[in-house]
C-alpha atoms as a PDB file:
ATOM      1  CA  MET A   1      42.351  -2.725  -4.152  1.00  0.00           C
ATOM      2  CA  LYS A   2      38.703  -3.852  -4.287  1.00  0.00           C
ATOM      3  CA  ARG A   3      36.564  -0.851  -5.026  1.00  0.00           C
ATOM      4  CA  ARG A   4      33.595  -0.141  -2.343  1.00  0.00           C
ATOM      5  CA  LYS A   5      30.079   0.059  -3.681  1.00  0.00           C
ATOM      6  CA  SER A   6      28.528   3.234  -3.214  1.00  0.00           C
ATOM      7  CA  PRO A   7      25.203   3.870  -1.114  1.00  0.00           C
ATOM      8  CA  ALA A   8      23.264   4.422  -4.550  1.00  0.00           C
ATOM      9  CA  TYR A   9      24.352   0.974  -5.926  1.00  0.00           C
ATOM     10  CA  TRP A  10      22.956  -0.825  -2.946  1.00  0.00           C
ATOM     11  CA  ILE A  11      19.812   1.326  -2.944  1.00  0.00           C
ATOM     12  CA  PHE A  12      19.066   1.526  -6.565  1.00  0.00           C
ATOM     13  CA  VAL A  13      20.523  -1.559  -7.841  1.00  0.00           C
ATOM     14  CA  ARG A  14      21.094  -4.289  -5.226  1.00  0.00           C
ATOM     15  CA  ILE A  15      18.555  -3.813  -2.985  1.00  0.00           C
ATOM     16  CA  PRO A  16      15.655  -3.997  -5.536  1.00  0.00           C
ATOM     17  CA  PHE A  17      17.368  -6.780  -7.104  1.00  0.00           C
ATOM     18  CA  TRP A  18      17.087  -9.362  -4.146  1.00  0.00           C
ATOM     19  CA  PHE A  19      13.739  -7.748  -3.090  1.00  0.00           C
ATOM     20  CA  VAL A  20      12.737  -8.834  -6.490  1.00  0.00           C
ATOM     21  CA  ALA A  21      14.226 -12.164  -6.461  1.00  0.00           C
ATOM     22  CA  GLY A  22      12.773 -12.940  -3.306  1.00  0.00           C
ATOM     23  CA  SER A  23       9.685 -11.899  -3.979  1.00  0.00           C
ATOM     24  CA  LEU A  24       9.785 -14.246  -7.266  1.00  0.00           C
ATOM     25  CA  LEU A  25      11.009 -17.403  -5.044  1.00  0.00           C
ATOM     26  CA  LEU A  26       8.491 -16.678  -2.205  1.00  0.00           C
ATOM     27  CA  VAL A  27       5.614 -16.526  -4.559  1.00  0.00           C
ATOM     28  CA  ALA A  28       6.691 -19.304  -6.572  1.00  0.00           C
ATOM     29  CA  VAL A  29       6.927 -21.333  -3.379  1.00  0.00           C
ATOM     30  CA  LEU A  30       3.451 -20.411  -1.933  1.00  0.00           C
ATOM     31  CA  LYS A  31       1.921 -21.804  -5.212  1.00  0.00           C
ATOM     32  CA  TRP A  32       2.250 -25.273  -3.909  1.00  0.00           C
ATOM     33  CA  VAL A  33       3.012 -25.077  -0.036  1.00  0.00           C
ATOM     34  CA  PRO A  34       0.148 -23.990   2.491  1.00  0.00           C
ATOM     35  CA  VAL A  35       0.219 -20.609   3.897  1.00  0.00           C
ATOM     36  CA  PHE A  36      -0.401 -21.587   7.572  1.00  0.00           C
ATOM     37  CA  TYR A  37       0.324 -18.170   8.956  1.00  0.00           C
ATOM     38  CA  THR A  38       0.015 -14.399   7.636  1.00  0.00           C
ATOM     39  CA  PRO A  39       1.591 -11.351   8.923  1.00  0.00           C
ATOM     40  CA  LEU A  40      -2.100 -10.402  10.042  1.00  0.00           C
ATOM     41  CA  MET A  41      -2.508 -13.062  12.240  1.00  0.00           C
ATOM     42  CA  LEU A  42       1.057 -12.015  13.913  1.00  0.00           C
ATOM     43  CA  ARG A  43      -0.511  -8.434  14.245  1.00  0.00           C
ATOM     44  CA  ARG A  44      -3.747  -9.798  15.973  1.00  0.00           C
ATOM     45  CA  ALA A  45      -1.688 -11.878  18.483  1.00  0.00           C
ATOM     46  CA  LEU A  46       0.513  -8.820  19.326  1.00  0.00           C
ATOM     47  CA  GLU A  47      -2.609  -6.808  20.001  1.00  0.00           C
ATOM     48  CA  PRO A  48      -2.749  -5.798  23.771  1.00  0.00           C
ATOM     49  CA  ASP A  49      -6.976  -6.380  23.802  1.00  0.00           C
ATOM     50  CA  LYS A  50      -6.782 -10.015  23.901  1.00  0.00           C
ATOM     51  CA  THR A  51      -8.402 -12.502  26.518  1.00  0.00           C
ATOM     52  CA  GLU A  52      -7.523 -15.201  28.164  1.00  0.00           C
ATOM     53  CA  LYS A  53      -9.952 -17.156  26.330  1.00  0.00           C
ATOM     54  CA  TYR A  54      -8.292 -15.919  22.540  1.00  0.00           C
ATOM     55  CA  ALA A  55      -7.070 -18.533  20.543  1.00  0.00           C
ATOM     56  CA  PHE A  56      -6.303 -18.772  16.818  1.00  0.00           C
ATOM     57  CA  ARG A  57      -8.501 -21.250  15.040  1.00  0.00           C
ATOM     58  CA  ARG A  58      -7.309 -22.160  11.523  1.00  0.00           C
ATOM     59  CA  HIS A  59      -7.444 -25.020   9.401  1.00  0.00           C
ATOM     60  CA  TRP A  60      -6.313 -25.292   5.890  1.00  0.00           C
ATOM     61  CA  ARG A  61      -8.413 -27.069   3.335  1.00  0.00           C
ATOM     62  CA  PRO A  62      -7.577 -27.824  -0.442  1.00  0.00           C
ATOM     63  CA  LEU A  63     -10.290 -25.682  -2.574  1.00  0.00           C
ATOM     64  CA  GLU A  64     -12.216 -29.285  -3.465  1.00  0.00           C
ATOM     65  CA  GLN A  65     -13.052 -29.754   0.187  1.00  0.00           C
ATOM     66  CA  VAL A  66     -14.553 -26.274   0.644  1.00  0.00           C
ATOM     67  CA  SER A  67     -18.301 -25.614  -0.326  1.00  0.00           C
ATOM     68  CA  PRO A  68     -18.887 -24.144  -4.172  1.00  0.00           C
ATOM     69  CA  GLU A  69     -20.947 -21.771  -2.515  1.00  0.00           C
ATOM     70  CA  LEU A  70     -18.740 -20.046  -0.364  1.00  0.00           C
ATOM     71  CA  VAL A  71     -16.810 -19.669  -3.161  1.00  0.00           C
ATOM     72  CA  LYS A  72     -19.362 -17.985  -5.094  1.00  0.00           C
ATOM     73  CA  ALA A  73     -20.711 -16.089  -2.196  1.00  0.00           C
ATOM     74  CA  VAL A  74     -17.345 -13.959  -1.579  1.00  0.00           C
ATOM     75  CA  ILE A  75     -17.202 -13.513  -5.642  1.00  0.00           C
ATOM     76  CA  ALA A  76     -20.871 -12.231  -5.374  1.00  0.00           C
ATOM     77  CA  SER A  77     -19.944 -10.340  -2.363  1.00  0.00           C
ATOM     78  CA  GLU A  78     -16.248  -8.981  -2.951  1.00  0.00           C
ATOM     79  CA  ASP A  79     -15.631  -9.304  -6.262  1.00  0.00           C
ATOM     80  CA  ASN A  80     -18.034 -10.014  -9.258  1.00  0.00           C
ATOM     81  CA  ARG A  81     -15.510  -9.606 -12.164  1.00  0.00           C
ATOM     82  CA  PHE A  82     -13.148 -11.733 -10.513  1.00  0.00           C
ATOM     83  CA  ALA A  83     -12.821 -14.178 -13.321  1.00  0.00           C
ATOM     84  CA  GLU A  84     -12.390 -11.226 -15.657  1.00  0.00           C
ATOM     85  CA  HIS A  85      -9.835  -9.131 -14.282  1.00  0.00           C
ATOM     86  CA  ARG A  86      -6.371  -9.415 -14.214  1.00  0.00           C
ATOM     87  CA  GLY A  87      -5.845  -8.349 -10.111  1.00  0.00           C
ATOM     88  CA  PHE A  88      -7.467  -4.882 -10.525  1.00  0.00           C
ATOM     89  CA  ASP A  89     -11.049  -3.897 -11.283  1.00  0.00           C
ATOM     90  CA  TRP A  90     -10.547  -1.183 -13.347  1.00  0.00           C
ATOM     91  CA  GLU A  91     -14.393  -0.437 -13.968  1.00  0.00           C
ATOM     92  CA  GLU A  92     -14.772  -0.445 -10.428  1.00  0.00           C
ATOM     93  CA  ILE A  93     -12.196   2.059  -9.983  1.00  0.00           C
ATOM     94  CA  ARG A  94     -13.417   4.121 -12.346  1.00  0.00           C
ATOM     95  CA  ARG A  95     -16.522   4.182 -10.633  1.00  0.00           C
ATOM     96  CA  MET A  96     -15.046   5.057  -7.126  1.00  0.00           C
ATOM     97  CA  TRP A  97     -13.020   8.185  -8.790  1.00  0.00           C
ATOM     98  CA  LYS A  98     -16.257   8.994 -10.678  1.00  0.00           C
ATOM     99  CA  ALA A  99     -18.500   9.028  -7.273  1.00  0.00           C
ATOM    100  CA  HIS A 100     -15.521  10.587  -5.255  1.00  0.00           C
ATOM    101  CA  ARG A 101     -15.459  13.538  -7.971  1.00  0.00           C
ATOM    102  CA  ASP A 102     -19.246  14.301  -8.098  1.00  0.00           C
ATOM    103  CA  LYS A 103     -19.811  13.494  -4.547  1.00  0.00           C
ATOM    104  CA  GLY A 104     -16.702  14.081  -2.449  1.00  0.00           C
ATOM    105  CA  GLY A 105     -16.237  12.188   1.045  1.00  0.00           C
ATOM    106  CA  ARG A 106     -13.894   9.626   1.420  1.00  0.00           C
ATOM    107  CA  LEU A 107     -13.024   6.803  -1.410  1.00  0.00           C
ATOM    108  CA  ARG A 108     -14.582   3.855  -0.807  1.00  0.00           C
ATOM    109  CA  GLY A 109     -12.830   0.448  -1.101  1.00  0.00           C
ATOM    110  CA  CYS A 110     -12.761  -1.570  -4.188  1.00  0.00           C
ATOM    111  CA  SER A 111     -10.012  -4.100  -3.425  1.00  0.00           C
ATOM    112  CA  THR A 112     -10.240  -7.344  -5.428  1.00  0.00           C
ATOM    113  CA  ILE A 113     -10.167 -10.791  -3.806  1.00  0.00           C
ATOM    114  CA  SER A 114      -6.233 -10.801  -5.333  1.00  0.00           C
ATOM    115  CA  GLN A 115      -5.870  -7.477  -3.681  1.00  0.00           C
ATOM    116  CA  GLN A 116      -7.055  -8.343  -0.455  1.00  0.00           C
ATOM    117  CA  THR A 117      -5.131 -12.228  -0.853  1.00  0.00           C
ATOM    118  CA  ALA A 118      -2.066 -10.093  -1.179  1.00  0.00           C
ATOM    119  CA  LYS A 119      -2.721  -7.805   1.396  1.00  0.00           C
ATOM    120  CA  ASN A 120      -3.304 -10.739   3.815  1.00  0.00           C
ATOM    121  CA  VAL A 121      -0.526 -13.001   3.052  1.00  0.00           C
ATOM    122  CA  PHE A 122       2.427 -10.626   2.349  1.00  0.00           C
ATOM    123  CA  THR A 123       1.881  -7.353   4.582  1.00  0.00           C
ATOM    124  CA  PHE A 124       0.310  -6.055   7.715  1.00  0.00           C
ATOM    125  CA  GLY A 125      -2.535  -4.622   6.538  1.00  0.00           C
ATOM    126  CA  SER A 126      -1.604  -1.070   7.320  1.00  0.00           C
ATOM    127  CA  SER A 127      -3.446   1.887   6.035  1.00  0.00           C
ATOM    128  CA  THR A 128      -0.190   3.893   4.741  1.00  0.00           C
ATOM    129  CA  TRP A 129       0.693   4.239   0.540  1.00  0.00           C
ATOM    130  CA  ALA A 130       4.123   1.973   1.324  1.00  0.00           C
ATOM    131  CA  ARG A 131       1.428  -0.992   2.130  1.00  0.00           C
ATOM    132  CA  LYS A 132      -0.633  -0.209  -0.796  1.00  0.00           C
ATOM    133  CA  ALA A 133       2.487  -0.043  -3.333  1.00  0.00           C
ATOM    134  CA  LEU A 134       3.383  -3.638  -1.950  1.00  0.00           C
ATOM    135  CA  GLU A 135      -0.020  -4.641  -2.220  1.00  0.00           C
ATOM    136  CA  VAL A 136       0.013  -3.831  -6.263  1.00  0.00           C
ATOM    137  CA  TRP A 137       3.291  -5.761  -6.444  1.00  0.00           C
ATOM    138  CA  TRP A 138       2.118  -8.808  -4.928  1.00  0.00           C
ATOM    139  CA  THR A 139      -1.074  -8.804  -6.580  1.00  0.00           C
ATOM    140  CA  PHE A 140       0.682  -8.383  -9.671  1.00  0.00           C
ATOM    141  CA  LEU A 141       2.729 -11.546  -8.876  1.00  0.00           C
ATOM    142  CA  ILE A 142       0.238 -13.641  -7.368  1.00  0.00           C
ATOM    143  CA  GLU A 143      -2.081 -13.437 -10.852  1.00  0.00           C
ATOM    144  CA  ARG A 144       0.668 -14.208 -13.088  1.00  0.00           C
ATOM    145  CA  ILE A 145       2.144 -17.075 -11.197  1.00  0.00           C
ATOM    146  CA  TRP A 146      -1.022 -18.773  -8.979  1.00  0.00           C
ATOM    147  CA  GLY A 147      -3.666 -18.042 -11.099  1.00  0.00           C
ATOM    148  CA  LYS A 148      -7.379 -17.410 -10.120  1.00  0.00           C
ATOM    149  CA  GLU A 149      -8.243 -21.054  -8.356  1.00  0.00           C
ATOM    150  CA  ARG A 150      -4.902 -21.223  -6.482  1.00  0.00           C
ATOM    151  CA  ILE A 151      -5.932 -17.390  -5.437  1.00  0.00           C
ATOM    152  CA  MET A 152      -9.161 -18.461  -4.444  1.00  0.00           C
ATOM    153  CA  GLU A 153      -7.793 -21.377  -2.297  1.00  0.00           C
ATOM    154  CA  VAL A 154      -5.283 -18.958  -0.622  1.00  0.00           C
ATOM    155  CA  TYR A 155      -7.917 -16.555   0.027  1.00  0.00           C
ATOM    156  CA  LEU A 156     -10.550 -18.906   1.411  1.00  0.00           C
ATOM    157  CA  ASN A 157      -7.907 -20.534   3.952  1.00  0.00           C
ATOM    158  CA  VAL A 158      -6.154 -16.807   5.312  1.00  0.00           C
ATOM    159  CA  ILE A 159      -9.487 -14.766   5.433  1.00  0.00           C
ATOM    160  CA  GLU A 160     -10.455 -13.484   8.912  1.00  0.00           C
ATOM    161  CA  ALA A 161     -13.945 -14.537   9.740  1.00  0.00           C
ATOM    162  CA  GLY A 162     -14.043 -13.053  13.401  1.00  0.00           C
ATOM    163  CA  PRO A 163     -12.275 -12.851  16.287  1.00  0.00           C
ATOM    164  CA  GLY A 164      -9.188 -15.402  15.996  1.00  0.00           C
ATOM    165  CA  ILE A 165     -11.091 -17.594  13.319  1.00  0.00           C
ATOM    166  CA  TYR A 166      -9.183 -17.956  10.074  1.00  0.00           C
ATOM    167  CA  GLY A 167     -10.087 -19.600   6.720  1.00  0.00           C
ATOM    168  CA  ALA A 168     -13.256 -21.683   5.568  1.00  0.00           C
ATOM    169  CA  GLU A 169     -12.797 -24.431   7.691  1.00  0.00           C
ATOM    170  CA  ALA A 170     -12.771 -22.679  11.013  1.00  0.00           C
ATOM    171  CA  ALA A 171     -15.321 -20.454  10.088  1.00  0.00           C
ATOM    172  CA  ALA A 172     -17.507 -22.749   9.382  1.00  0.00           C
ATOM    173  CA  GLN A 173     -16.987 -24.997  12.568  1.00  0.00           C
ATOM    174  CA  ALA A 174     -17.086 -21.870  14.716  1.00  0.00           C
ATOM    175  CA  TRP A 175     -20.255 -20.295  13.315  1.00  0.00           C
ATOM    176  CA  PHE A 176     -22.485 -22.988  12.045  1.00  0.00           C
ATOM    177  CA  GLY A 177     -20.936 -26.114  13.475  1.00  0.00           C
ATOM    178  CA  VAL A 178     -20.210 -27.531  10.362  1.00  0.00           C
ATOM    179  CA  ASP A 179     -17.046 -28.495   8.151  1.00  0.00           C
ATOM    180  CA  ALA A 180     -16.628 -25.988   5.087  1.00  0.00           C
ATOM    181  CA  ARG A 181     -17.042 -28.806   2.407  1.00  0.00           C
ATOM    182  CA  SER A 182     -21.131 -28.647   3.942  1.00  0.00           C
ATOM    183  CA  LEU A 183     -21.789 -24.724   4.016  1.00  0.00           C
ATOM    184  CA  SER A 184     -25.158 -24.307   2.450  1.00  0.00           C
ATOM    185  CA  ARG A 185     -25.806 -21.211   0.037  1.00  0.00           C
ATOM    186  CA  ALA A 186     -27.398 -18.963   3.266  1.00  0.00           C
ATOM    187  CA  GLN A 187     -24.420 -20.326   5.171  1.00  0.00           C
ATOM    188  CA  ALA A 188     -22.028 -19.053   2.900  1.00  0.00           C
ATOM    189  CA  SER A 189     -23.697 -15.951   2.254  1.00  0.00           C
ATOM    190  CA  ALA A 190     -23.413 -14.866   5.897  1.00  0.00           C
ATOM    191  CA  ILE A 191     -19.918 -15.232   5.986  1.00  0.00           C
ATOM    192  CA  ALA A 192     -19.156 -13.726   3.030  1.00  0.00           C
ATOM    193  CA  VAL A 193     -21.169 -10.661   4.114  1.00  0.00           C
ATOM    194  CA  CYS A 194     -18.973 -10.258   7.088  1.00  0.00           C
ATOM    195  CA  LEU A 195     -15.910 -10.239   5.609  1.00  0.00           C
ATOM    196  CA  PRO A 196     -15.326  -6.386   5.391  1.00  0.00           C
ATOM    197  CA  ASN A 197     -15.516  -5.882   8.979  1.00  0.00           C
ATOM    198  CA  PRO A 198     -15.058  -9.468  10.508  1.00  0.00           C
ATOM    199  CA  ARG A 199     -14.666  -8.720  14.738  1.00  0.00           C
ATOM    200  CA  GLN A 200     -17.779  -6.627  14.643  1.00  0.00           C
ATOM    201  CA  TRP A 201     -20.228  -8.186  11.982  1.00  0.00           C
ATOM    202  CA  LYS A 202     -21.353 -11.904  13.009  1.00  0.00           C
ATOM    203  CA  PRO A 203     -22.338 -14.240  10.312  1.00  0.00           C
ATOM    204  CA  THR A 204     -25.471 -15.247  12.945  1.00  0.00           C
ATOM    205  CA  GLY A 205     -26.292 -11.940  13.155  1.00  0.00           C
ATOM    206  CA  THR A 206     -30.122 -10.781  12.830  1.00  0.00           C
ATOM    207  CA  GLY A 207     -29.630  -6.804  12.427  1.00  0.00           C
ATOM    208  CA  PRO A 208     -31.243  -5.143   9.514  1.00  0.00           C
ATOM    209  CA  TYR A 209     -27.826  -4.564   7.257  1.00  0.00           C
ATOM    210  CA  ILE A 210     -26.501  -7.871   7.847  1.00  0.00           C
ATOM    211  CA  THR A 211     -29.907  -9.535   7.053  1.00  0.00           C
ATOM    212  CA  ARG A 212     -30.611  -7.686   3.699  1.00  0.00           C
ATOM    213  CA  ARG A 213     -27.222  -8.093   2.730  1.00  0.00           C
ATOM    214  CA  LYS A 214     -27.473 -12.196   3.252  1.00  0.00           C
ATOM    215  CA  ALA A 215     -30.578 -11.861   1.288  1.00  0.00           C
ATOM    216  CA  GLN A 216     -28.494  -9.513  -1.478  1.00  0.00           C
ATOM    217  CA  VAL A 217     -26.098 -11.760  -2.023  1.00  0.00           C
ATOM    218  CA  ALA A 218     -27.883 -15.074  -1.853  1.00  0.00           C
ATOM    219  CA  ALA A 219     -29.868 -13.699  -4.756  1.00  0.00           C
ATOM    220  CA  LEU A 220     -26.856 -12.656  -6.793  1.00  0.00           C
ATOM    221  CA  ILE A 221     -25.165 -16.156  -6.781  1.00  0.00           C
ATOM    222  CA  PRO A 222     -27.179 -17.694  -9.280  1.00  0.00           C
ATOM    223  CA  LYS A 223     -27.060 -14.675 -11.924  1.00  0.00           C
ATOM    224  CA  LEU A 224     -23.100 -14.407 -12.227  1.00  0.00           C
ATOM    225  CA  ALA A 225     -20.804 -16.677 -14.322  1.00  0.00           C
ATOM    226  CA  TYR A 226     -18.093 -18.370 -12.537  1.00  0.00           C
ATOM    227  CA  PRO A 227     -14.732 -20.487 -13.561  1.00  0.00           C
ATOM    228  CA  GLU A 228     -15.152 -24.011 -14.275  1.00  0.00           C
ATOM    229  CA  TRP A 229     -12.947 -25.121 -11.354  1.00  0.00           C
ATOM    230  CA  VAL A 230     -15.545 -23.359  -8.878  1.00  0.00           C
ATOM    231  CA  GLY A 231     -18.080 -26.418  -9.347  1.00  0.00           C
ATOM    232  CA  LYS A 232     -22.001 -26.980  -8.701  1.00  0.00           C
END
C-alpha cells in the first residue's frame, strides 16, 4: 500500500520545489518573450474608479526602438548605480537605514530598477512583507537570467506612466505626441521624474517640484556612466 505524504512534506518539499521550478521556467521564457500584461495592469483594471473613457495604452518596443535618452533618464532619476549592483543597491540601503536611525520617521524607498521590474512583472505591488520577500526572489532571478539589458527593456515596456499608460511608447505618444525612439533629453527626463507617482504627476506639469526635478535629472544625465548597450 502506497504511503500517503504528510502535510509537512507538501509544505516544506513539494510546494517549494514546484515554486522554484516554475519560477525558473517563467523567468527563462520571459527572457525572450515580450511581457504584454502584468499583475499591476490587472489590479488597475479591477479598481472601481474607472471612467468610460479609461483604456489601457501599451505598445511593446525593443530596446533599440527606445531613445537612449530615456534609458539614461530613468537611471539618473531612479537608480544611479544600475550598471554596478546585482539587483540591490546596498550602499543606498545603508544610507536609508542611517537616515532612519538618525532622524526617525518612515523608511524612504530605495528600490532599484531591477526590483521595480520584478515587482511590476511578478507581483500585484501590494505593500506587504510577503510581497517584498517575493520581490527579492524575483529580482535575484532576473538579474542572473535576464541581465541588465533585458531588465531595462522589460522595465521600459511595463512602467506605469499615467492613468492607463504603460511603457515608453505609450508614454511618449500620450504626453508628447512622438514615438519612443524620438524622445529628447528634456522629454525623457520629464517622464522619468513622474514614475514614482505616475497617476498624480504629469510629465507636462509645470509645478515647482516637477520643474526642479526635471532640471536635476537632465543635468545629471551627462555626469553618469552607462553600459555600452545604452547607445548615444
